[in-house]
Amino acid sequence: MSIETWKKLSLAEQLGNIGSEFHRWQNTKSEKSFEETLNLLDMTIKNQSKSGTLAELTRLREVICDLATGSKFYQITSSNLDNYFLGFALLARK
């Protein structure tokens, strides 16, 4: 997806899409899905100017990378993140 198209989506839509790709990565353990998850998240981060949102998004990136490396520093499971993303997906559908 192009950055121009991505910018037109609401934050809830963006996070819902990131969640979908994250879920795909969790099911397949595909490197491509992991990279796409981070790519979509990075595009979202680049478009944020609100410091509160930016801080949460950058922490989310850290948590996802923590899951990928298996370090368990944040003690977050993929199920926790699926639930986090689900709320945004539902909000985007309204």
N, C-alpha and C. Protein backbone atom coordinates (compact mmCIF):
# COMPACT_ATOMS: atom_id res chain seq x y z
N MET A 1 0.85 -1.17 0.00
CA MET A 1 0.00 0.00 0.00
C MET A 1 0.90 1.23 0.00
N SER A 2 0.51 2.21 -0.78
CA SER A 2 1.31 3.43 -0.85
C SER A 2 1.08 4.29 0.40
N ILE A 3 2.05 5.11 0.70
CA ILE A 3 1.96 6.00 1.87
C ILE A 3 0.79 6.98 1.70
N GLU A 4 0.52 7.39 0.46
CA GLU A 4 -0.58 8.33 0.21
C GLU A 4 -1.92 7.69 0.54
N THR A 5 -2.09 6.45 0.13
CA THR A 5 -3.33 5.72 0.42
C THR A 5 -3.44 5.47 1.92
N TRP A 6 -2.32 5.11 2.54
CA TRP A 6 -2.29 4.82 3.98
C TRP A 6 -2.70 6.04 4.80
N LYS A 7 -2.23 7.21 4.39
CA LYS A 7 -2.53 8.46 5.11
C LYS A 7 -4.02 8.77 5.13
N LYS A 8 -4.74 8.28 4.13
CA LYS A 8 -6.18 8.57 4.03
C LYS A 8 -7.01 7.74 5.00
N LEU A 9 -6.42 6.70 5.56
CA LEU A 9 -7.14 5.85 6.52
C LEU A 9 -7.11 6.50 7.90
N SER A 10 -8.16 6.26 8.67
CA SER A 10 -8.17 6.73 10.06
C SER A 10 -7.15 5.91 10.86
N LEU A 11 -6.79 6.39 12.02
CA LEU A 11 -5.86 5.67 12.87
C LEU A 11 -6.42 4.30 13.23
N ALA A 12 -7.71 4.22 13.49
CA ALA A 12 -8.34 2.93 13.81
C ALA A 12 -8.23 1.98 12.62
N GLU A 13 -8.44 2.48 11.42
CA GLU A 13 -8.32 1.64 10.23
C GLU A 13 -6.88 1.17 10.04
N GLN A 14 -5.94 2.06 10.27
CA GLN A 14 -4.53 1.70 10.15
C GLN A 14 -4.17 0.61 11.15
N LEU A 15 -4.56 0.80 12.40
CA LEU A 15 -4.22 -0.20 13.43
C LEU A 15 -4.97 -1.51 13.21
N GLY A 16 -6.17 -1.44 12.67
CA GLY A 16 -6.90 -2.66 12.33
C GLY A 16 -6.17 -3.44 11.25
N ASN A 17 -5.65 -2.74 10.25
CA ASN A 17 -4.88 -3.38 9.19
C ASN A 17 -3.55 -3.93 9.70
N ILE A 18 -2.91 -3.19 10.58
CA ILE A 18 -1.67 -3.68 11.19
C ILE A 18 -1.98 -4.96 11.97
N GLY A 19 -3.09 -4.94 12.69
CA GLY A 19 -3.49 -6.11 13.46
C GLY A 19 -3.75 -7.32 12.59
N SER A 20 -4.34 -7.10 11.43
CA SER A 20 -4.59 -8.19 10.50
C SER A 20 -3.27 -8.80 10.02
N GLU A 21 -2.32 -7.95 9.69
CA GLU A 21 -1.02 -8.44 9.25
C GLU A 21 -0.27 -9.11 10.40
N PHE A 22 -0.40 -8.56 11.60
CA PHE A 22 0.21 -9.16 12.78
C PHE A 22 -0.35 -10.58 13.00
N HIS A 23 -1.65 -10.70 12.89
CA HIS A 23 -2.30 -12.00 13.08
C HIS A 23 -1.81 -13.00 12.02
N ARG A 24 -1.69 -12.51 10.79
CA ARG A 24 -1.18 -13.37 9.71
C ARG A 24 0.24 -13.85 10.06
N TRP A 25 1.06 -12.93 10.54
CA TRP A 25 2.42 -13.29 10.93
C TRP A 25 2.42 -14.34 12.05
N GLN A 26 1.55 -14.17 13.03
CA GLN A 26 1.49 -15.11 14.13
C GLN A 26 1.06 -16.50 13.66
N ASN A 27 0.19 -16.54 12.67
CA ASN A 27 -0.29 -17.83 12.15
C ASN A 27 0.72 -18.52 11.25
N THR A 28 1.48 -17.73 10.49
CA THR A 28 2.39 -18.31 9.49
C THR A 28 3.85 -18.27 9.89
N LYS A 29 4.20 -17.37 10.82
CA LYS A 29 5.60 -17.11 11.18
C LYS A 29 6.43 -16.73 9.96
N SER A 30 5.77 -16.14 8.98
CA SER A 30 6.40 -15.72 7.74
C SER A 30 7.20 -14.44 7.95
N GLU A 31 8.42 -14.42 7.47
CA GLU A 31 9.26 -13.22 7.54
C GLU A 31 8.61 -12.07 6.78
N LYS A 32 7.98 -12.40 5.66
CA LYS A 32 7.31 -11.37 4.85
C LYS A 32 6.19 -10.70 5.64
N SER A 33 5.40 -11.47 6.36
CA SER A 33 4.30 -10.90 7.16
C SER A 33 4.84 -10.06 8.31
N PHE A 34 5.93 -10.52 8.91
CA PHE A 34 6.55 -9.74 9.99
C PHE A 34 7.03 -8.39 9.45
N GLU A 35 7.73 -8.42 8.33
CA GLU A 35 8.23 -7.19 7.73
C GLU A 35 7.08 -6.26 7.34
N GLU A 36 6.00 -6.82 6.82
CA GLU A 36 4.85 -5.99 6.44
C GLU A 36 4.18 -5.39 7.67
N THR A 37 4.11 -6.14 8.75
CA THR A 37 3.58 -5.60 10.00
C THR A 37 4.36 -4.37 10.42
N LEU A 38 5.68 -4.48 10.41
CA LEU A 38 6.53 -3.35 10.80
C LEU A 38 6.45 -2.22 9.79
N ASN A 39 6.36 -2.54 8.51
CA ASN A 39 6.25 -1.51 7.48
C ASN A 39 4.98 -0.68 7.67
N LEU A 40 3.86 -1.34 7.89
CA LEU A 40 2.60 -0.62 8.11
C LEU A 40 2.65 0.22 9.38
N LEU A 41 3.24 -0.35 10.42
CA LEU A 41 3.37 0.40 11.67
C LEU A 41 4.29 1.60 11.49
N ASP A 42 5.37 1.43 10.76
CA ASP A 42 6.29 2.55 10.51
C ASP A 42 5.60 3.66 9.73
N MET A 43 4.76 3.30 8.75
CA MET A 43 4.03 4.34 8.01
C MET A 43 3.08 5.10 8.94
N THR A 44 2.47 4.39 9.87
CA THR A 44 1.58 5.03 10.84
C THR A 44 2.37 5.95 11.76
N ILE A 45 3.50 5.50 12.22
CA ILE A 45 4.35 6.30 13.10
C ILE A 45 4.78 7.59 12.41
N LYS A 46 5.15 7.49 11.15
CA LYS A 46 5.61 8.67 10.40
C LYS A 46 4.53 9.73 10.26
N ASN A 47 3.26 9.34 10.34
CA ASN A 47 2.16 10.27 10.14
C ASN A 47 1.60 10.85 11.44
N GLN A 48 2.19 10.51 12.57
CA GLN A 48 1.66 10.97 13.85
C GLN A 48 2.41 12.19 14.35
N SER A 49 1.68 13.17 14.78
CA SER A 49 2.29 14.35 15.36
C SER A 49 1.98 14.49 16.84
N LYS A 50 0.93 13.79 17.30
CA LYS A 50 0.57 13.84 18.70
C LYS A 50 1.54 12.98 19.50
N SER A 51 2.17 13.58 20.49
CA SER A 51 3.21 12.85 21.23
C SER A 51 2.67 11.63 21.97
N GLY A 52 1.46 11.69 22.48
CA GLY A 52 0.88 10.55 23.18
C GLY A 52 0.67 9.36 22.26
N THR A 53 0.15 9.64 21.09
CA THR A 53 -0.07 8.58 20.10
C THR A 53 1.26 8.06 19.60
N LEU A 54 2.19 8.95 19.35
CA LEU A 54 3.51 8.55 18.86
C LEU A 54 4.22 7.65 19.87
N ALA A 55 4.13 7.99 21.13
CA ALA A 55 4.76 7.19 22.17
C ALA A 55 4.15 5.79 22.23
N GLU A 56 2.83 5.70 22.12
CA GLU A 56 2.18 4.39 22.16
C GLU A 56 2.55 3.56 20.94
N LEU A 57 2.61 4.18 19.79
CA LEU A 57 2.95 3.45 18.57
C LEU A 57 4.39 2.96 18.57
N THR A 58 5.29 3.78 19.05
CA THR A 58 6.69 3.33 19.09
C THR A 58 6.87 2.22 20.13
N ARG A 59 6.15 2.29 21.23
CA ARG A 59 6.19 1.20 22.21
C ARG A 59 5.59 -0.07 21.61
N LEU A 60 4.53 0.07 20.85
CA LEU A 60 3.92 -1.08 20.18
C LEU A 60 4.94 -1.75 19.27
N ARG A 61 5.71 -0.96 18.56
CA ARG A 61 6.76 -1.51 17.69
C ARG A 61 7.77 -2.30 18.52
N GLU A 62 8.17 -1.74 19.65
CA GLU A 62 9.10 -2.44 20.54
C GLU A 62 8.52 -3.77 21.02
N VAL A 63 7.25 -3.76 21.36
CA VAL A 63 6.59 -4.98 21.86
C VAL A 63 6.55 -6.05 20.77
N ILE A 64 6.23 -5.64 19.56
CA ILE A 64 6.19 -6.60 18.45
C ILE A 64 7.57 -7.18 18.20
N CYS A 65 8.58 -6.34 18.22
CA CYS A 65 9.95 -6.84 18.03
C CYS A 65 10.37 -7.72 19.19
N ASP A 66 9.90 -7.42 20.39
CA ASP A 66 10.18 -8.25 21.56
C ASP A 66 9.60 -9.65 21.36
N LEU A 67 8.38 -9.71 20.82
CA LEU A 67 7.77 -11.01 20.53
C LEU A 67 8.58 -11.77 19.48
N ALA A 68 9.04 -11.04 18.48
CA ALA A 68 9.78 -11.68 17.38
C ALA A 68 11.10 -12.28 17.86
N THR A 69 11.74 -11.59 18.79
CA THR A 69 13.04 -12.07 19.28
C THR A 69 12.90 -13.09 20.39
N GLY A 70 11.71 -13.12 21.00
CA GLY A 70 11.48 -14.07 22.09
C GLY A 70 12.10 -13.66 23.41
N SER A 71 12.49 -12.39 23.54
CA SER A 71 13.14 -11.96 24.79
C SER A 71 12.17 -11.83 25.96
N LYS A 72 10.90 -11.63 25.68
CA LYS A 72 9.84 -11.53 26.70
C LYS A 72 10.08 -10.43 27.72
N PHE A 73 10.77 -9.38 27.30
CA PHE A 73 11.01 -8.25 28.18
C PHE A 73 9.69 -7.62 28.63
N TYR A 74 8.76 -7.47 27.68
CA TYR A 74 7.47 -6.83 28.00
C TYR A 74 6.43 -7.80 28.53
N GLN A 75 6.70 -9.07 28.46
CA GLN A 75 5.79 -10.10 28.96
C GLN A 75 4.39 -9.97 28.35
N ILE A 76 4.37 -9.70 27.05
CA ILE A 76 3.13 -9.59 26.29
C ILE A 76 3.06 -10.79 25.36
N THR A 77 1.88 -11.37 25.26
CA THR A 77 1.69 -12.51 24.36
C THR A 77 1.06 -12.05 23.05
N SER A 78 1.14 -12.90 22.06
CA SER A 78 0.50 -12.57 20.79
C SER A 78 -1.01 -12.45 20.98
N SER A 79 -1.57 -13.23 21.89
CA SER A 79 -2.99 -13.14 22.19
C SER A 79 -3.35 -11.77 22.77
N ASN A 80 -2.48 -11.24 23.64
CA ASN A 80 -2.69 -9.89 24.17
C ASN A 80 -2.77 -8.87 23.05
N LEU A 81 -1.84 -8.98 22.10
CA LEU A 81 -1.81 -8.02 21.00
C LEU A 81 -2.98 -8.22 20.04
N ASP A 82 -3.38 -9.45 19.82
CA ASP A 82 -4.56 -9.69 18.99
C ASP A 82 -5.77 -8.98 19.59
N ASN A 83 -5.93 -9.06 20.90
CA ASN A 83 -7.04 -8.38 21.57
C ASN A 83 -6.91 -6.86 21.46
N TYR A 84 -5.70 -6.35 21.57
CA TYR A 84 -5.44 -4.92 21.42
C TYR A 84 -5.88 -4.45 20.04
N PHE A 85 -5.45 -5.17 19.01
CA PHE A 85 -5.77 -4.78 17.64
C PHE A 85 -7.25 -4.97 17.31
N LEU A 86 -7.89 -5.95 17.92
CA LEU A 86 -9.29 -6.23 17.65
C LEU A 86 -10.17 -5.01 17.93
N GLY A 87 -9.88 -4.32 19.01
CA GLY A 87 -10.66 -3.12 19.34
C GLY A 87 -10.61 -2.07 18.23
N PHE A 88 -9.45 -1.91 17.63
CA PHE A 88 -9.32 -0.94 16.53
C PHE A 88 -10.04 -1.42 15.28
N ALA A 89 -9.96 -2.71 15.01
CA ALA A 89 -10.66 -3.26 13.85
C ALA A 89 -12.16 -3.07 13.98
N LEU A 90 -12.69 -3.30 15.17
CA LEU A 90 -14.12 -3.11 15.41
C LEU A 90 -14.50 -1.63 15.29
N LEU A 91 -13.67 -0.77 15.83
CA LEU A 91 -13.94 0.66 15.75
C LEU A 91 -13.92 1.14 14.29
N ALA A 92 -13.01 0.62 13.51
CA ALA A 92 -12.90 1.03 12.11
C ALA A 92 -14.11 0.60 11.29
N ARG A 93 -14.78 -0.45 11.70
CA ARG A 93 -15.94 -0.96 10.96
C ARG A 93 -17.22 -0.17 11.23
N LYS A 94 -17.21 0.69 12.23
CA LYS A 94 -18.42 1.48 12.56
C LYS A 94 -18.68 2.54 11.54
